[in-house]
Amino acid sequence: MVNNGISSSLINLTKNIDYAKYDVSILTYDGNQDEKVNNINRLDSRARIMYRMGTPAYTMIEQVRDLIITRFGVNKLTKFIYPKHAYQRESRRLLAGYQFDTAIDFSGYSFNGAKLIAEAEATNKVIFQHNDLWSDAHKVIDSRKPNYMPLMALFTIYFKFDKVVSVSKSLLEINNNKLQSYVKDEQLY
């Protein structure tokens, strides 16, 4: 909920939802910064806010597995240690055991958020793409690539989502072209 286009988009979306038809819950990090608090306060009051706080309830082995998956993603070598039950348990803890028709990772940038949505109790799972994520992963800032590992890990769990939604047709083409080894055509919207 920092000041950026994704937060603005979410705020506007919450003001244009038919709340007679949809029950909306938003999972966000605790708002301990003024800009986050201000943005959370700008969300439509009919949306239920749930805060991600506390320490994940992982065993020591699950913590190590999570670190490996976060660093290297899910691949041929790591798929056997993917801590699915830990992520499911953490998702239940944060979402109070709610079952959802659709769980959406609206940010589309955070592996740590996406893994919880991917393992949430939901019939449908959706993740958004707001930018050219391949380029963002490879962007050099101060001689380093700060987004590389989290985004590369994120790409490796796209298979857990029913839909990968780009915010525009041109962005769909860009991400489809650059991320085709991570998504199937039927997932793309």
Protein backbone atom coordinates (compact mmCIF):
# COMPACT_ATOMS: atom_id res chain seq x y z
CA MET A 1 0.00 0.00 0.00
CA VAL A 2 2.93 2.34 -0.63
CA ASN A 3 2.40 5.30 -2.93
CA ASN A 4 2.53 3.80 -6.41
CA GLY A 5 0.34 3.00 -9.38
CA ILE A 6 -0.64 -0.44 -8.10
CA SER A 7 -1.97 0.99 -4.83
CA SER A 8 -3.84 3.73 -6.72
CA SER A 9 -5.33 1.12 -9.02
CA LEU A 10 -6.47 -1.01 -6.06
CA ILE A 11 -7.98 2.00 -4.30
CA ASN A 12 -9.94 2.92 -7.44
CA LEU A 13 -11.00 -0.69 -7.97
CA THR A 14 -12.45 -0.92 -4.45
CA LYS A 15 -14.58 2.14 -5.18
CA ASN A 16 -16.03 0.55 -8.33
CA ILE A 17 -17.00 -2.93 -7.10
CA ASP A 18 -20.62 -3.99 -6.74
CA TYR A 19 -20.59 -4.90 -3.04
CA ALA A 20 -24.09 -6.34 -3.31
CA LYS A 21 -22.56 -8.98 -5.56
CA TYR A 22 -19.01 -9.35 -4.17
CA ASP A 23 -17.65 -9.74 -0.66
CA VAL A 24 -14.13 -8.29 -0.80
CA SER A 25 -11.25 -8.97 1.58
CA ILE A 26 -7.84 -7.35 1.18
CA LEU A 27 -4.72 -8.83 2.75
CA THR A 28 -2.02 -6.21 3.29
CA TYR A 29 1.04 -5.69 5.43
CA ASP A 30 0.49 -3.82 8.67
CA GLY A 31 0.29 -0.13 7.97
CA ASN A 32 3.04 1.28 10.16
CA GLN A 33 4.08 3.98 7.71
CA ASP A 34 2.04 7.11 7.16
CA GLU A 35 1.70 6.58 3.41
CA LYS A 36 0.46 3.00 3.90
CA VAL A 37 -2.04 4.11 6.54
CA ASN A 38 -3.28 6.91 4.29
CA ASN A 39 -3.71 4.53 1.34
CA ILE A 40 -5.47 1.90 3.44
CA ASN A 41 -7.84 4.63 4.68
CA ARG A 42 -8.60 5.52 1.05
CA LEU A 43 -9.91 1.99 0.29
CA ASP A 44 -13.68 1.64 0.12
CA SER A 45 -14.92 1.04 3.66
CA ARG A 46 -16.97 -1.95 2.50
CA ALA A 47 -13.79 -3.91 1.74
CA ARG A 48 -12.64 -6.07 4.67
CA ILE A 49 -9.01 -5.35 5.57
CA MET A 50 -6.87 -8.20 6.89
CA TYR A 51 -3.32 -7.49 8.01
CA ARG A 52 -0.31 -9.67 7.41
CA MET A 53 1.65 -9.55 10.63
CA GLY A 54 3.52 -11.77 13.00
CA THR A 55 5.99 -14.50 12.23
CA PRO A 56 5.14 -17.36 9.87
CA ALA A 57 4.38 -20.60 11.70
CA TYR A 58 7.06 -22.64 9.94
CA THR A 59 9.07 -25.47 11.43
CA MET A 60 12.86 -25.14 11.19
CA ILE A 61 12.92 -27.45 8.16
CA GLU A 62 10.11 -25.45 6.52
CA GLN A 63 12.06 -22.23 7.13
CA VAL A 64 15.09 -23.66 5.33
CA ARG A 65 12.93 -24.92 2.47
CA ASP A 66 11.22 -21.53 2.21
CA LEU A 67 14.61 -19.79 2.03
CA ILE A 68 15.73 -22.13 -0.75
CA ILE A 69 12.50 -21.70 -2.74
CA THR A 70 12.57 -17.92 -2.22
CA ARG A 71 16.14 -17.78 -3.52
CA PHE A 72 15.97 -20.31 -6.36
CA GLY A 73 12.26 -20.68 -7.13
CA VAL A 74 10.52 -23.93 -7.98
CA ASN A 75 12.54 -25.93 -10.48
CA LYS A 76 13.50 -29.53 -11.22
CA LEU A 77 15.80 -29.66 -8.20
CA THR A 78 13.72 -27.72 -5.69
CA LYS A 79 10.17 -28.86 -6.51
CA PHE A 80 10.50 -31.74 -4.06
CA ILE A 81 11.15 -29.41 -1.13
CA TYR A 82 8.45 -26.81 -1.92
CA PRO A 83 6.85 -26.28 1.53
CA LYS A 84 3.23 -26.38 0.37
CA HIS A 85 1.81 -27.32 3.78
CA ALA A 86 3.73 -24.50 5.47
CA TYR A 87 2.37 -21.95 2.98
CA GLN A 88 -1.15 -23.36 3.36
CA ARG A 89 -0.90 -23.17 7.14
CA GLU A 90 0.40 -19.59 6.98
CA SER A 91 -2.36 -18.64 4.55
CA ARG A 92 -4.99 -20.08 6.93
CA ARG A 93 -3.41 -18.18 9.84
CA LEU A 94 -3.50 -14.86 8.02
CA LEU A 95 -6.87 -15.34 6.32
CA ALA A 96 -8.60 -16.71 9.42
CA GLY A 97 -9.48 -19.93 7.62
CA TYR A 98 -11.80 -18.18 5.16
CA GLN A 99 -12.52 -19.99 1.92
CA PHE A 100 -12.72 -17.78 -1.13
CA ASP A 101 -14.30 -18.16 -4.53
CA THR A 102 -11.36 -16.26 -5.99
CA ALA A 103 -8.07 -15.25 -4.41
CA ILE A 104 -6.17 -12.55 -6.28
CA ASP A 105 -2.58 -11.45 -5.94
CA PHE A 106 -3.23 -7.92 -7.15
CA SER A 107 0.31 -6.66 -6.59
CA GLY A 108 1.90 -9.28 -8.79
CA TYR A 109 5.37 -8.34 -7.54
CA SER A 110 5.93 -10.20 -4.31
CA PHE A 111 6.91 -13.85 -4.15
CA ASN A 112 6.15 -13.76 -0.42
CA GLY A 113 2.61 -12.58 -1.08
CA ALA A 114 2.06 -14.77 -4.13
CA LYS A 115 3.00 -18.01 -2.36
CA LEU A 116 0.26 -17.37 0.21
CA ILE A 117 -2.37 -16.59 -2.42
CA ALA A 118 -1.22 -19.61 -4.45
CA GLU A 119 -1.87 -21.83 -1.43
CA ALA A 120 -4.99 -20.06 -0.11
CA GLU A 121 -8.25 -21.96 0.16
CA ALA A 122 -9.86 -20.67 -3.00
CA THR A 123 -11.61 -22.15 -6.01
CA ASN A 124 -9.81 -19.79 -8.42
CA LYS A 125 -6.42 -18.14 -8.07
CA VAL A 126 -5.39 -15.10 -10.08
CA ILE A 127 -2.22 -13.03 -10.25
CA PHE A 128 -1.91 -9.64 -11.93
CA GLN A 129 0.91 -8.27 -14.06
CA HIS A 130 1.15 -4.47 -14.00
CA ASN A 131 4.48 -4.07 -15.82
CA ASP A 132 7.07 -5.73 -18.03
CA LEU A 133 8.19 -8.03 -15.22
CA TRP A 134 11.09 -9.63 -17.08
CA SER A 135 12.63 -6.19 -17.60
CA ASP A 136 11.93 -5.28 -13.96
CA ALA A 137 13.69 -8.46 -12.83
CA HIS A 138 16.77 -7.56 -14.87
CA LYS A 139 16.80 -3.82 -14.08
CA VAL A 140 20.13 -2.65 -12.64
CA ILE A 141 19.95 -0.12 -9.80
CA ASP A 142 23.16 0.97 -8.08
CA SER A 143 25.14 -1.86 -9.74
CA ARG A 144 22.74 -4.59 -8.58
CA LYS A 145 19.47 -6.22 -9.58
CA PRO A 146 17.29 -5.88 -6.45
CA ASN A 147 14.20 -7.42 -8.06
CA TYR A 148 15.93 -10.35 -9.76
CA MET A 149 15.60 -13.12 -7.17
CA PRO A 150 12.11 -12.28 -5.90
CA LEU A 151 10.65 -11.92 -9.39
CA MET A 152 12.42 -14.99 -10.79
CA ALA A 153 11.06 -17.01 -7.83
CA LEU A 154 7.62 -15.51 -8.48
CA PHE A 155 7.66 -16.59 -12.13
CA THR A 156 8.28 -20.20 -11.07
CA ILE A 157 4.98 -20.40 -9.18
CA TYR A 158 2.79 -18.99 -11.96
CA PHE A 159 1.74 -22.59 -12.64
CA LYS A 160 -0.19 -22.50 -9.36
CA PHE A 161 -2.51 -19.74 -10.65
CA ASP A 162 -5.55 -20.30 -12.85
CA LYS A 163 -5.16 -16.89 -14.50
CA VAL A 164 -2.25 -14.55 -15.07
CA VAL A 165 -3.88 -11.21 -15.87
CA SER A 166 -2.07 -8.37 -17.62
CA VAL A 167 -3.54 -4.90 -17.19
CA SER A 168 -3.40 -4.15 -20.92
CA LYS A 169 -3.30 -6.01 -24.22
CA SER A 170 0.18 -4.68 -25.08
CA LEU A 171 1.49 -5.79 -21.68
CA LEU A 172 -0.07 -9.22 -22.21
CA GLU A 173 1.93 -9.58 -25.43
CA ILE A 174 5.16 -8.42 -23.78
CA ASN A 175 4.86 -10.70 -20.74
CA ASN A 176 3.61 -13.61 -22.84
CA ASN A 177 6.66 -13.31 -25.07
CA LYS A 178 9.20 -12.90 -22.28
CA LEU A 179 7.67 -15.27 -19.71
CA GLN A 180 6.41 -18.01 -22.01
CA SER A 181 8.49 -20.67 -20.26
CA TYR A 182 6.59 -19.93 -17.01
CA VAL A 183 2.97 -19.67 -18.19
CA LYS A 184 0.62 -21.54 -20.45
CA ASP A 185 -1.50 -19.77 -23.06
CA GLU A 186 -4.74 -20.77 -21.31
CA GLN A 187 -3.63 -18.93 -18.15
CA LEU A 188 -3.13 -15.60 -19.90
CA TYR A 189 -5.74 -12.87 -19.83
